[in-house]
C-alpha atoms as a PDB file:
ATOM      1  CA  UNK A   1       0.196  -0.072  -0.395  1.00  0.00           C
ATOM      2  CA  UNK A   2       1.072   3.422  -1.099  1.00  0.00           C
ATOM      3  CA  UNK A   3       1.140   6.204   2.065  1.00  0.00           C
ATOM      4  CA  UNK A   4      -0.852   9.467   1.833  1.00  0.00           C
ATOM      5  CA  UNK A   5       1.406  12.641   2.329  1.00  0.00           C
ATOM      6  CA  UNK A   6       0.344  15.339   3.691  1.00  0.00           C
ATOM      7  CA  UNK A   7      -0.570  18.579   2.703  1.00  0.00           C
ATOM      8  CA  UNK A   8       1.318  21.642   3.246  1.00  0.00           C
ATOM      9  CA  UNK A   9       1.683  23.834   1.083  1.00  0.00           C
ATOM     10  CA  UNK A  10      -0.926  26.451   0.971  1.00  0.00           C
ATOM     11  CA  UNK A  11      -1.094  27.222  -2.580  1.00  0.00           C
ATOM     12  CA  UNK A  12      -2.334  23.119  -2.967  1.00  0.00           C
ATOM     13  CA  UNK A  13      -4.759  23.775  -0.604  1.00  0.00           C
ATOM     14  CA  UNK A  14      -5.982  26.983  -2.710  1.00  0.00           C
ATOM     15  CA  UNK A  15      -5.946  24.951  -5.781  1.00  0.00           C
ATOM     16  CA  UNK A  16      -8.166  22.874  -4.605  1.00  0.00           C
ATOM     17  CA  UNK A  17     -10.570  24.839  -3.598  1.00  0.00           C
ATOM     18  CA  UNK A  18     -10.499  26.293  -6.888  1.00  0.00           C
ATOM     19  CA  UNK A  19     -10.395  23.739  -8.974  1.00  0.00           C
ATOM     20  CA  UNK A  20     -11.603  20.315  -7.102  1.00  0.00           C
ATOM     21  CA  UNK A  21     -15.057  19.245  -6.441  1.00  0.00           C
ATOM     22  CA  UNK A  22     -16.492  19.128  -3.203  1.00  0.00           C
ATOM     23  CA  UNK A  23     -19.607  16.913  -0.980  1.00  0.00           C
ATOM     24  CA  UNK A  24     -20.564  18.743   2.378  1.00  0.00           C
ATOM     25  CA  UNK A  25     -21.727  16.515   4.908  1.00  0.00           C
ATOM     26  CA  UNK A  26     -22.823  17.818   8.245  1.00  0.00           C
ATOM     27  CA  UNK A  27     -19.222  17.229  10.100  1.00  0.00           C
ATOM     28  CA  UNK A  28     -16.827  18.071   7.248  1.00  0.00           C
ATOM     29  CA  UNK A  29     -16.325  19.270   4.073  1.00  0.00           C
ATOM     30  CA  UNK A  30     -14.670  17.386   0.784  1.00  0.00           C
ATOM     31  CA  UNK A  31     -12.500  19.053  -1.590  1.00  0.00           C
ATOM     32  CA  UNK A  32     -11.324  16.610  -4.391  1.00  0.00           C
ATOM     33  CA  UNK A  33      -9.283  16.763  -7.624  1.00  0.00           C
ATOM     34  CA  UNK A  34      -8.057  13.088  -9.207  1.00  0.00           C
ATOM     35  CA  UNK A  35      -4.444  13.451 -10.490  1.00  0.00           C
ATOM     36  CA  UNK A  36      -2.407  12.585 -13.627  1.00  0.00           C
ATOM     37  CA  UNK A  37       0.150  10.365 -13.403  1.00  0.00           C
ATOM     38  CA  UNK A  38       1.473   9.928  -9.740  1.00  0.00           C
ATOM     39  CA  UNK A  39       1.147   7.189  -7.335  1.00  0.00           C
ATOM     40  CA  UNK A  40      -0.497   7.534  -3.774  1.00  0.00           C
ATOM     41  CA  UNK A  41      -2.777  10.262  -2.351  1.00  0.00           C
ATOM     42  CA  UNK A  42      -1.809  13.597  -0.711  1.00  0.00           C
ATOM     43  CA  UNK A  43      -4.512  14.929   2.024  1.00  0.00           C
ATOM     44  CA  UNK A  44      -4.892  17.912   3.585  1.00  0.00           C
ATOM     45  CA  UNK A  45      -6.547  18.978   6.728  1.00  0.00           C
ATOM     46  CA  UNK A  46      -7.334  21.973   8.097  1.00  0.00           C
ATOM     47  CA  UNK A  47      -9.914  23.687  11.149  1.00  0.00           C
ATOM     48  CA  UNK A  48     -10.689  27.398  10.975  1.00  0.00           C
ATOM     49  CA  UNK A  49     -10.936  29.739  14.157  1.00  0.00           C
ATOM     50  CA  UNK A  50     -14.827  29.660  13.743  1.00  0.00           C
ATOM     51  CA  UNK A  51     -14.477  26.488  15.038  1.00  0.00           C
ATOM     52  CA  UNK A  52     -13.523  27.145  18.643  1.00  0.00           C
ATOM     53  CA  UNK A  53     -10.691  27.374  20.742  1.00  0.00           C
ATOM     54  CA  UNK A  54      -7.426  25.836  19.172  1.00  0.00           C
ATOM     55  CA  UNK A  55      -7.712  22.118  21.821  1.00  0.00           C
ATOM     56  CA  UNK A  56     -10.973  21.822  19.716  1.00  0.00           C
ATOM     57  CA  UNK A  57      -9.557  22.155  16.104  1.00  0.00           C
ATOM     58  CA  UNK A  58      -6.696  20.270  17.076  1.00  0.00           C
ATOM     59  CA  UNK A  59      -9.776  17.513  18.183  1.00  0.00           C
ATOM     60  CA  UNK A  60     -11.590  18.091  15.034  1.00  0.00           C
ATOM     61  CA  UNK A  61      -8.267  17.342  12.881  1.00  0.00           C
ATOM     62  CA  UNK A  62      -7.371  14.377  15.339  1.00  0.00           C
ATOM     63  CA  UNK A  63     -10.702  12.559  14.546  1.00  0.00           C
ATOM     64  CA  UNK A  64     -10.452  13.242  11.214  1.00  0.00           C
ATOM     65  CA  UNK A  65      -7.208  12.149  10.428  1.00  0.00           C
ATOM     66  CA  UNK A  66      -7.629   9.222  12.287  1.00  0.00           C
ATOM     67  CA  UNK A  67     -11.171   8.656   9.988  1.00  0.00           C
ATOM     68  CA  UNK A  68      -9.343   8.856   6.977  1.00  0.00           C
ATOM     69  CA  UNK A  69      -6.366   6.167   8.474  1.00  0.00           C
ATOM     70  CA  UNK A  70      -9.200   3.697   8.925  1.00  0.00           C
ATOM     71  CA  UNK A  71     -10.482   4.804   5.147  1.00  0.00           C
ATOM     72  CA  UNK A  72      -7.093   4.483   3.646  1.00  0.00           C
ATOM     73  CA  UNK A  73      -6.052   1.057   2.621  1.00  0.00           C
ATOM     74  CA  UNK A  74      -9.956   1.194   0.448  1.00  0.00           C
ATOM     75  CA  UNK A  75      -9.132   4.369  -1.771  1.00  0.00           C
ATOM     76  CA  UNK A  76      -8.375   4.585  -5.043  1.00  0.00           C
ATOM     77  CA  UNK A  77      -4.770   6.395  -5.493  1.00  0.00           C
ATOM     78  CA  UNK A  78      -3.783   9.380  -7.874  1.00  0.00           C
ATOM     79  CA  UNK A  79      -6.549  12.058  -5.117  1.00  0.00           C
ATOM     80  CA  UNK A  80      -6.062  15.026  -3.606  1.00  0.00           C
ATOM     81  CA  UNK A  81      -7.867  15.536  -0.554  1.00  0.00           C
ATOM     82  CA  UNK A  82      -8.693  18.486   1.633  1.00  0.00           C
ATOM     83  CA  UNK A  83     -10.499  17.478   4.303  1.00  0.00           C
ATOM     84  CA  UNK A  84     -12.406  21.077   6.708  1.00  0.00           C
ATOM     85  CA  UNK A  85     -13.997  20.600   9.679  1.00  0.00           C
ATOM     86  CA  UNK A  86     -17.324  21.880  10.207  1.00  0.00           C
ATOM     87  CA  UNK A  87     -18.521  23.181  13.844  1.00  0.00           C
ATOM     88  CA  UNK A  88     -20.162  20.554  14.631  1.00  0.00           C
ATOM     89  CA  UNK A  89     -16.049  18.111  14.181  1.00  0.00           C
ATOM     90  CA  UNK A  90     -15.422  19.354  18.316  1.00  0.00           C
ATOM     91  CA  UNK A  91     -18.269  17.605  19.970  1.00  0.00           C
ATOM     92  CA  UNK A  92     -19.324  13.824  17.441  1.00  0.00           C
ATOM     93  CA  UNK A  93     -17.718  10.956  17.691  1.00  0.00           C
ATOM     94  CA  UNK A  94     -15.041   9.499  15.628  1.00  0.00           C
ATOM     95  CA  UNK A  95     -17.182   6.924  14.013  1.00  0.00           C
ATOM     96  CA  UNK A  96     -20.014   9.198  12.931  1.00  0.00           C
ATOM     97  CA  UNK A  97     -17.040  11.194  11.244  1.00  0.00           C
ATOM     98  CA  UNK A  98     -15.663   7.846  10.058  1.00  0.00           C
ATOM     99  CA  UNK A  99     -19.660   6.960   8.962  1.00  0.00           C
ATOM    100  CA  UNK A 100     -19.838  10.665   6.928  1.00  0.00           C
ATOM    101  CA  UNK A 101     -16.361  10.147   5.330  1.00  0.00           C
ATOM    102  CA  UNK A 102     -17.144   6.811   4.238  1.00  0.00           C
ATOM    103  CA  UNK A 103     -20.406   8.204   2.804  1.00  0.00           C
ATOM    104  CA  UNK A 104     -18.324  10.692   0.350  1.00  0.00           C
ATOM    105  CA  UNK A 105     -16.078   8.927  -0.735  1.00  0.00           C
ATOM    106  CA  UNK A 106     -18.061   6.100  -1.760  1.00  0.00           C
ATOM    107  CA  UNK A 107     -20.142   9.630  -3.466  1.00  0.00           C
ATOM    108  CA  UNK A 108     -17.259  10.385  -5.045  1.00  0.00           C
ATOM    109  CA  UNK A 109     -16.146   6.737  -6.424  1.00  0.00           C
ATOM    110  CA  UNK A 110     -12.596   6.789  -5.117  1.00  0.00           C
ATOM    111  CA  UNK A 111     -13.404   3.965  -2.355  1.00  0.00           C
ATOM    112  CA  UNK A 112     -13.553   0.604  -2.731  1.00  0.00           C
ATOM    113  CA  UNK A 113     -17.375  -0.688  -1.490  1.00  0.00           C
ATOM    114  CA  UNK A 114     -16.123  -4.042  -0.283  1.00  0.00           C
ATOM    115  CA  UNK A 115     -15.740  -3.588   3.863  1.00  0.00           C
ATOM    116  CA  UNK A 116     -12.221  -5.338   3.067  1.00  0.00           C
ATOM    117  CA  UNK A 117     -11.158  -6.068   6.923  1.00  0.00           C
ATOM    118  CA  UNK A 118     -13.795  -8.513   7.427  1.00  0.00           C
ATOM    119  CA  UNK A 119     -13.363 -10.012   5.115  1.00  0.00           C
ATOM    120  CA  UNK A 120      -9.581  -9.869   5.699  1.00  0.00           C
ATOM    121  CA  UNK A 121     -10.608 -10.864   9.372  1.00  0.00           C
ATOM    122  CA  UNK A 122     -13.231 -14.467   7.913  1.00  0.00           C
ATOM    123  CA  UNK A 123      -9.912 -15.178   5.821  1.00  0.00           C
ATOM    124  CA  UNK A 124      -7.879 -15.460   9.290  1.00  0.00           C
ATOM    125  CA  UNK A 125     -10.504 -17.212  10.782  1.00  0.00           C
ATOM    126  CA  UNK A 126     -11.181 -20.037   8.946  1.00  0.00           C
END
């Protein structure tokens, strides 16, 4: 599996906001763009000051990052993602954010719908 890189440059964030497509859920907004000829994905996570103080913004980023990490193995390759935390992301459980992110990723067509973790567990038991 190819590891996801972090997006740190501001111009990449701005390009995704301008040229990428977006999907919205109650806790997060997903911006994405398919890059040609690149292996691996890039991910950026943002949380504005409107969400709350630093501890709330950091929690929202941690929850989103963990949700993405759990779904990373099922994603297609060559995408740039920016996930923007909304104010509800500070108060919901990680499982709810994961379900919302999974729904958005399946809506965009970038996620494998078969649950690989359950099928690999069943193979291990056999």
